[in-house]
Amino acid sequence: MRRAGRPAFRTDQRGASAVEFALVAPVVLLMLFGAIGGGVLAYATVSLQRATEVAARCMSMDRSDLCTSGTIAAYGTSAYSGPQLTGLTFVANKVSCGYKITGSGTFSTFPGLDFLSVNLSANACYPGVRA
């Protein structure tokens, strides 16, 4: 029998776990998918830096059959092994340190939806042996 001044729902604990789960689950899922997205973004950054360094090294080694100012974009794109970047470009410049390659592209966490887009850029410079 119930006491007169206290409603029954205050003491009833059925369903409390379901309510707690409903409050905590979105936060945990957001943290989980954020960590995964951050890892993929880090992988894209490292892959872009590596492809830029490989392209700069090729340009400085006097490989006129593979790496010229006109073909460096295709060579750098083929050296990139990370997740898809939109607008992936590689540009070669002759500077005082040798041959400087700048690679850039845009990383999207949900491709096609542009939920979060991050512009990535990498530079590498190798001393050149070309004249």
N, C-alpha and C. Protein backbone atom coordinates (compact mmCIF):
# COMPACT_ATOMS: atom_id res chain seq x y z
N MET A 1 0.82 -1.18 0.00
CA MET A 1 0.00 0.00 0.00
C MET A 1 0.87 1.26 0.00
N ARG A 2 0.45 2.20 -0.69
CA ARG A 2 1.19 3.42 -0.90
C ARG A 2 0.84 4.47 0.15
N ARG A 3 1.87 5.29 0.48
CA ARG A 3 1.58 6.37 1.42
C ARG A 3 0.94 7.53 0.68
N ALA A 4 0.21 8.31 1.34
CA ALA A 4 -0.63 9.33 0.71
C ALA A 4 0.14 10.49 0.11
N GLY A 5 1.22 10.94 0.64
CA GLY A 5 1.86 12.15 0.14
C GLY A 5 2.94 11.91 -0.91
N ARG A 6 3.28 10.69 -1.27
CA ARG A 6 4.40 10.40 -2.15
C ARG A 6 3.91 9.72 -3.43
N PRO A 7 4.16 10.30 -4.62
CA PRO A 7 3.74 9.64 -5.86
C PRO A 7 4.57 8.38 -6.12
N ALA A 8 4.00 7.45 -6.83
CA ALA A 8 4.64 6.15 -7.06
C ALA A 8 5.84 6.26 -8.00
N PHE A 9 5.87 7.21 -8.92
CA PHE A 9 6.96 7.28 -9.88
C PHE A 9 8.27 7.73 -9.26
N ARG A 10 8.24 8.34 -8.09
CA ARG A 10 9.47 8.77 -7.43
C ARG A 10 10.26 7.59 -6.90
N THR A 11 9.61 6.57 -6.48
CA THR A 11 10.30 5.42 -5.91
C THR A 11 10.48 4.28 -6.91
N ASP A 12 9.80 4.33 -8.02
CA ASP A 12 9.91 3.28 -9.03
C ASP A 12 11.21 3.46 -9.82
N GLN A 13 12.07 2.44 -9.83
CA GLN A 13 13.37 2.53 -10.51
C GLN A 13 13.43 1.71 -11.79
N ARG A 14 12.33 1.19 -12.23
CA ARG A 14 12.33 0.43 -13.48
C ARG A 14 12.58 1.39 -14.65
N GLY A 15 13.47 0.99 -15.54
CA GLY A 15 13.79 1.82 -16.70
C GLY A 15 14.86 2.85 -16.46
N ALA A 16 15.43 2.91 -15.26
CA ALA A 16 16.47 3.90 -14.97
C ALA A 16 17.72 3.64 -15.81
N SER A 17 18.05 2.38 -16.01
CA SER A 17 19.23 2.06 -16.83
C SER A 17 19.03 2.48 -18.28
N ALA A 18 17.84 2.32 -18.80
CA ALA A 18 17.55 2.73 -20.18
C ALA A 18 17.68 4.24 -20.34
N VAL A 19 17.25 4.99 -19.37
CA VAL A 19 17.36 6.45 -19.43
C VAL A 19 18.82 6.87 -19.34
N GLU A 20 19.58 6.24 -18.45
CA GLU A 20 21.00 6.56 -18.33
C GLU A 20 21.74 6.22 -19.63
N PHE A 21 21.42 5.09 -20.24
CA PHE A 21 22.04 4.72 -21.50
C PHE A 21 21.69 5.73 -22.59
N ALA A 22 20.44 6.17 -22.63
CA ALA A 22 20.02 7.14 -23.64
C ALA A 22 20.73 8.47 -23.48
N LEU A 23 21.12 8.82 -22.27
CA LEU A 23 21.84 10.06 -22.04
C LEU A 23 23.33 9.94 -22.34
N VAL A 24 23.92 8.79 -22.08
CA VAL A 24 25.37 8.62 -22.21
C VAL A 24 25.77 8.14 -23.62
N ALA A 25 24.96 7.33 -24.27
CA ALA A 25 25.32 6.72 -25.55
C ALA A 25 25.69 7.74 -26.64
N PRO A 26 24.93 8.83 -26.85
CA PRO A 26 25.33 9.77 -27.90
C PRO A 26 26.71 10.40 -27.66
N VAL A 27 27.03 10.68 -26.42
CA VAL A 27 28.33 11.27 -26.11
C VAL A 27 29.46 10.28 -26.39
N VAL A 28 29.26 9.02 -25.99
CA VAL A 28 30.28 8.00 -26.21
C VAL A 28 30.46 7.74 -27.71
N LEU A 29 29.38 7.68 -28.46
CA LEU A 29 29.48 7.46 -29.91
C LEU A 29 30.14 8.64 -30.60
N LEU A 30 29.84 9.85 -30.17
CA LEU A 30 30.48 11.04 -30.74
C LEU A 30 31.98 11.02 -30.49
N MET A 31 32.37 10.63 -29.29
CA MET A 31 33.80 10.54 -28.97
C MET A 31 34.48 9.44 -29.79
N LEU A 32 33.82 8.31 -29.96
CA LEU A 32 34.38 7.20 -30.71
C LEU A 32 34.59 7.57 -32.19
N PHE A 33 33.56 8.10 -32.82
CA PHE A 33 33.68 8.47 -34.23
C PHE A 33 34.60 9.67 -34.42
N GLY A 34 34.68 10.56 -33.44
CA GLY A 34 35.64 11.66 -33.51
C GLY A 34 37.08 11.17 -33.46
N ALA A 35 37.34 10.16 -32.62
CA ALA A 35 38.68 9.59 -32.54
C ALA A 35 39.05 8.88 -33.85
N ILE A 36 38.11 8.17 -34.42
CA ILE A 36 38.36 7.49 -35.70
C ILE A 36 38.62 8.52 -36.80
N GLY A 37 37.81 9.56 -36.86
CA GLY A 37 37.99 10.62 -37.86
C GLY A 37 39.32 11.35 -37.69
N GLY A 38 39.72 11.58 -36.43
CA GLY A 38 41.01 12.22 -36.18
C GLY A 38 42.17 11.35 -36.62
N GLY A 39 42.04 10.04 -36.44
CA GLY A 39 43.08 9.13 -36.90
C GLY A 39 43.21 9.11 -38.40
N VAL A 40 42.09 9.13 -39.10
CA VAL A 40 42.12 9.15 -40.56
C VAL A 40 42.69 10.48 -41.06
N LEU A 41 42.37 11.57 -40.38
CA LEU A 41 42.93 12.88 -40.74
C LEU A 41 44.44 12.88 -40.54
N ALA A 42 44.92 12.31 -39.46
CA ALA A 42 46.36 12.22 -39.23
C ALA A 42 47.04 11.37 -40.31
N TYR A 43 46.40 10.28 -40.70
CA TYR A 43 46.94 9.43 -41.75
C TYR A 43 47.02 10.19 -43.08
N ALA A 44 46.00 10.98 -43.38
CA ALA A 44 46.01 11.78 -44.62
C ALA A 44 47.13 12.81 -44.59
N THR A 45 47.37 13.42 -43.44
CA THR A 45 48.42 14.42 -43.31
C THR A 45 49.81 13.80 -43.52
N VAL A 46 50.03 12.66 -42.88
CA VAL A 46 51.33 11.99 -43.02
C VAL A 46 51.53 11.49 -44.46
N SER A 47 50.50 10.97 -45.08
CA SER A 47 50.61 10.48 -46.45
C SER A 47 50.89 11.63 -47.43
N LEU A 48 50.26 12.78 -47.21
CA LEU A 48 50.51 13.93 -48.07
C LEU A 48 51.95 14.42 -47.91
N GLN A 49 52.45 14.45 -46.67
CA GLN A 49 53.83 14.87 -46.45
C GLN A 49 54.81 13.91 -47.12
N ARG A 50 54.54 12.62 -47.02
CA ARG A 50 55.43 11.63 -47.65
C ARG A 50 55.42 11.76 -49.17
N ALA A 51 54.23 11.92 -49.76
CA ALA A 51 54.15 12.06 -51.21
C ALA A 51 54.86 13.33 -51.68
N THR A 52 54.78 14.39 -50.91
CA THR A 52 55.46 15.64 -51.25
C THR A 52 56.97 15.46 -51.18
N GLU A 53 57.45 14.75 -50.15
CA GLU A 53 58.88 14.50 -50.04
C GLU A 53 59.39 13.61 -51.17
N VAL A 54 58.62 12.60 -51.53
CA VAL A 54 59.01 11.71 -52.63
C VAL A 54 59.07 12.49 -53.95
N ALA A 55 58.11 13.36 -54.17
CA ALA A 55 58.10 14.16 -55.40
C ALA A 55 59.27 15.14 -55.43
N ALA A 56 59.59 15.76 -54.28
CA ALA A 56 60.73 16.69 -54.24
C ALA A 56 62.04 15.96 -54.46
N ARG A 57 62.17 14.77 -53.91
CA ARG A 57 63.39 13.99 -54.10
C ARG A 57 63.54 13.58 -55.57
N CYS A 58 62.44 13.16 -56.18
CA CYS A 58 62.48 12.79 -57.59
C CYS A 58 62.87 13.98 -58.46
N MET A 59 62.33 15.13 -58.13
CA MET A 59 62.63 16.35 -58.90
C MET A 59 64.10 16.72 -58.78
N SER A 60 64.68 16.51 -57.61
CA SER A 60 66.07 16.90 -57.40
C SER A 60 67.07 15.88 -57.94
N MET A 61 66.62 14.67 -58.24
CA MET A 61 67.54 13.62 -58.71
C MET A 61 67.72 13.61 -60.22
N ASP A 62 67.25 14.63 -60.88
CA ASP A 62 67.41 14.77 -62.33
C ASP A 62 66.80 13.60 -63.09
N ARG A 63 65.60 13.22 -62.70
CA ARG A 63 64.86 12.18 -63.41
C ARG A 63 63.96 12.85 -64.44
N SER A 64 64.53 13.25 -65.55
CA SER A 64 63.77 13.98 -66.56
C SER A 64 62.71 13.10 -67.22
N ASP A 65 62.83 11.77 -67.08
CA ASP A 65 61.81 10.89 -67.65
C ASP A 65 60.56 10.82 -66.78
N LEU A 66 60.70 11.05 -65.48
CA LEU A 66 59.55 10.97 -64.56
C LEU A 66 59.12 12.32 -64.00
N CYS A 67 60.08 13.11 -63.58
CA CYS A 67 59.77 14.30 -62.79
C CYS A 67 60.23 15.58 -63.47
N THR A 68 59.31 16.22 -64.11
CA THR A 68 59.54 17.55 -64.64
C THR A 68 58.46 18.45 -64.05
N SER A 69 58.56 19.72 -64.29
CA SER A 69 57.54 20.64 -63.75
C SER A 69 56.16 20.30 -64.27
N GLY A 70 56.08 19.76 -65.47
CA GLY A 70 54.79 19.41 -66.05
C GLY A 70 54.22 18.10 -65.55
N THR A 71 55.09 17.15 -65.16
CA THR A 71 54.62 15.82 -64.75
C THR A 71 54.66 15.59 -63.26
N ILE A 72 55.11 16.60 -62.50
CA ILE A 72 55.26 16.38 -61.05
C ILE A 72 53.91 16.18 -60.36
N ALA A 73 52.86 16.78 -60.89
CA ALA A 73 51.53 16.62 -60.28
C ALA A 73 51.06 15.17 -60.40
N ALA A 74 51.26 14.57 -61.56
CA ALA A 74 50.87 13.18 -61.74
C ALA A 74 51.75 12.25 -60.90
N TYR A 75 53.05 12.55 -60.81
CA TYR A 75 53.95 11.72 -60.01
C TYR A 75 53.59 11.81 -58.53
N GLY A 76 53.34 13.02 -58.03
CA GLY A 76 52.98 13.20 -56.62
C GLY A 76 51.66 12.54 -56.29
N THR A 77 50.69 12.63 -57.19
CA THR A 77 49.39 11.99 -56.97
C THR A 77 49.53 10.48 -56.93
N SER A 78 50.39 9.92 -57.76
CA SER A 78 50.59 8.48 -57.73
C SER A 78 51.34 8.03 -56.48
N ALA A 79 52.15 8.91 -55.89
CA ALA A 79 52.88 8.57 -54.68
C ALA A 79 52.00 8.70 -53.43
N TYR A 80 50.90 9.43 -53.53
CA TYR A 80 50.00 9.61 -52.37
C TYR A 80 49.19 8.34 -52.16
N SER A 81 49.19 7.84 -50.91
CA SER A 81 48.49 6.58 -50.63
C SER A 81 47.44 6.70 -49.53
N GLY A 82 47.10 7.90 -49.14
CA GLY A 82 46.15 8.10 -48.05
C GLY A 82 44.71 8.10 -48.52
N PRO A 83 43.80 8.53 -47.63
CA PRO A 83 42.39 8.62 -48.01
C PRO A 83 42.18 9.70 -49.08
N GLN A 84 41.05 9.66 -49.71
CA GLN A 84 40.79 10.55 -50.84
C GLN A 84 40.80 12.01 -50.39
N LEU A 85 41.56 12.81 -51.14
CA LEU A 85 41.59 14.26 -50.95
C LEU A 85 41.04 14.91 -52.21
N THR A 86 40.14 15.85 -52.05
CA THR A 86 39.63 16.56 -53.22
C THR A 86 40.59 17.69 -53.56
N GLY A 87 40.80 17.89 -54.84
CA GLY A 87 41.69 18.95 -55.30
C GLY A 87 43.15 18.71 -54.96
N LEU A 88 43.61 17.47 -55.01
CA LEU A 88 45.00 17.15 -54.70
C LEU A 88 45.91 17.69 -55.79
N THR A 89 46.82 18.59 -55.43
CA THR A 89 47.73 19.20 -56.39
C THR A 89 49.15 19.21 -55.84
N PHE A 90 50.10 19.17 -56.75
CA PHE A 90 51.51 19.29 -56.42
C PHE A 90 52.12 20.33 -57.35
N VAL A 91 52.83 21.30 -56.78
CA VAL A 91 53.41 22.39 -57.56
C VAL A 91 54.91 22.44 -57.27
N ALA A 92 55.72 22.54 -58.32
CA ALA A 92 57.18 22.58 -58.18
C ALA A 92 57.67 24.01 -58.39
N ASN A 93 58.63 24.40 -57.55
CA ASN A 93 59.28 25.71 -57.67
C ASN A 93 60.77 25.54 -57.46
N LYS A 94 61.57 26.30 -58.20
CA LYS A 94 63.01 26.34 -57.99
C LYS A 94 63.29 27.45 -57.00
N VAL A 95 63.84 27.10 -55.84
CA VAL A 95 64.14 28.08 -54.79
C VAL A 95 65.59 27.89 -54.36
N SER A 96 66.03 28.69 -53.39
CA SER A 96 67.43 28.66 -52.98
C SER A 96 67.83 27.31 -52.36
N CYS A 97 66.91 26.60 -51.75
CA CYS A 97 67.26 25.31 -51.14
C CYS A 97 67.32 24.19 -52.18
N GLY A 98 66.83 24.42 -53.35
CA GLY A 98 66.81 23.40 -54.39
C GLY A 98 65.46 23.41 -55.10
N TYR A 99 64.78 22.28 -55.03
CA TYR A 99 63.45 22.17 -55.64
C TYR A 99 62.43 22.00 -54.52
N LYS A 100 61.51 22.94 -54.45
CA LYS A 100 60.48 22.93 -53.43
C LYS A 100 59.18 22.46 -54.05
N ILE A 101 58.60 21.44 -53.45
CA ILE A 101 57.31 20.92 -53.89
C ILE A 101 56.28 21.25 -52.82
N THR A 102 55.17 21.78 -53.24
CA THR A 102 54.06 22.05 -52.34
C THR A 102 52.89 21.17 -52.74
N GLY A 103 52.45 20.33 -51.82
CA GLY A 103 51.28 19.49 -52.05
C GLY A 103 50.12 19.98 -51.21
N SER A 104 48.93 19.99 -51.79
CA SER A 104 47.76 20.45 -51.04
C SER A 104 46.51 19.72 -51.51
N GLY A 105 45.54 19.66 -50.63
CA GLY A 105 44.26 19.02 -50.92
C GLY A 105 43.29 19.26 -49.78
N THR A 106 42.05 18.87 -49.97
CA THR A 106 41.01 19.06 -48.95
C THR A 106 40.51 17.70 -48.49
N PHE A 107 40.54 17.49 -47.18
CA PHE A 107 40.07 16.26 -46.57
C PHE A 107 38.66 16.50 -46.03
N SER A 108 37.72 15.63 -46.38
CA SER A 108 36.34 15.71 -45.87
C SER A 108 36.06 14.45 -45.07
N THR A 109 35.48 14.62 -43.87
CA THR A 109 35.21 13.45 -43.04
C THR A 109 34.09 12.61 -43.61
N PHE A 110 33.10 13.24 -44.19
CA PHE A 110 32.02 12.52 -44.86
C PHE A 110 32.02 12.98 -46.31
N PRO A 111 32.73 12.26 -47.19
CA PRO A 111 32.86 12.72 -48.58
C PRO A 111 31.49 12.92 -49.23
N GLY A 112 31.35 14.04 -49.89
CA GLY A 112 30.11 14.37 -50.58
C GLY A 112 29.18 15.22 -49.74
N LEU A 113 29.30 15.11 -48.41
CA LEU A 113 28.41 15.89 -47.54
C LEU A 113 29.07 17.15 -47.02
N ASP A 114 30.40 17.22 -47.08
CA ASP A 114 31.17 18.35 -46.56
C ASP A 114 30.78 18.68 -45.13
N PHE A 115 30.65 17.63 -44.30
CA PHE A 115 30.34 17.82 -42.88
C PHE A 115 31.47 18.57 -42.20
N LEU A 116 32.69 18.15 -42.49
CA LEU A 116 33.87 18.82 -41.96
C LEU A 116 34.96 18.72 -43.01
N SER A 117 35.39 19.85 -43.51
CA SER A 117 36.46 19.88 -44.51
C SER A 117 37.68 20.56 -43.93
N VAL A 118 38.84 19.94 -44.13
CA VAL A 118 40.09 20.47 -43.62
C VAL A 118 41.05 20.61 -44.80
N ASN A 119 41.59 21.81 -44.98
CA ASN A 119 42.58 22.03 -46.03
C ASN A 119 43.95 21.58 -45.52
N LEU A 120 44.58 20.67 -46.25
CA LEU A 120 45.89 20.15 -45.88
C LEU A 120 46.94 20.69 -46.85
N SER A 121 48.13 20.92 -46.33
CA SER A 121 49.22 21.40 -47.16
C SER A 121 50.53 20.85 -46.62
N ALA A 122 51.45 20.51 -47.52
CA ALA A 122 52.76 20.01 -47.13
C ALA A 122 53.81 20.57 -48.06
N ASN A 123 54.99 20.84 -47.52
CA ASN A 123 56.11 21.36 -48.30
C ASN A 123 57.32 20.47 -48.10
N ALA A 124 58.11 20.33 -49.14
CA ALA A 124 59.38 19.62 -49.05
C ALA A 124 60.36 20.26 -50.01
N CYS A 125 61.61 20.34 -49.58
CA CYS A 125 62.64 20.95 -50.41
C CYS A 125 63.89 20.07 -50.35
N TYR A 126 64.39 19.70 -51.53
CA TYR A 126 65.60 18.91 -51.63
C TYR A 126 66.60 19.69 -52.49
N PRO A 127 67.88 19.60 -52.17
CA PRO A 127 68.88 20.27 -53.01
C PRO A 127 68.90 19.65 -54.38
N GLY A 128 68.94 20.46 -55.40
CA GLY A 128 68.85 19.96 -56.75
C GLY A 128 70.19 19.74 -57.41
N VAL A 129 70.25 18.74 -58.26
CA VAL A 129 71.45 18.50 -59.05
C VAL A 129 71.25 18.96 -60.49
N ARG A 130 70.05 19.40 -60.81
CA ARG A 130 69.79 19.91 -62.16
C ARG A 130 70.40 21.29 -62.33
N ALA A 131 70.68 21.61 -63.55
CA ALA A 131 71.23 22.94 -63.82
C ALA A 131 70.15 23.97 -63.95
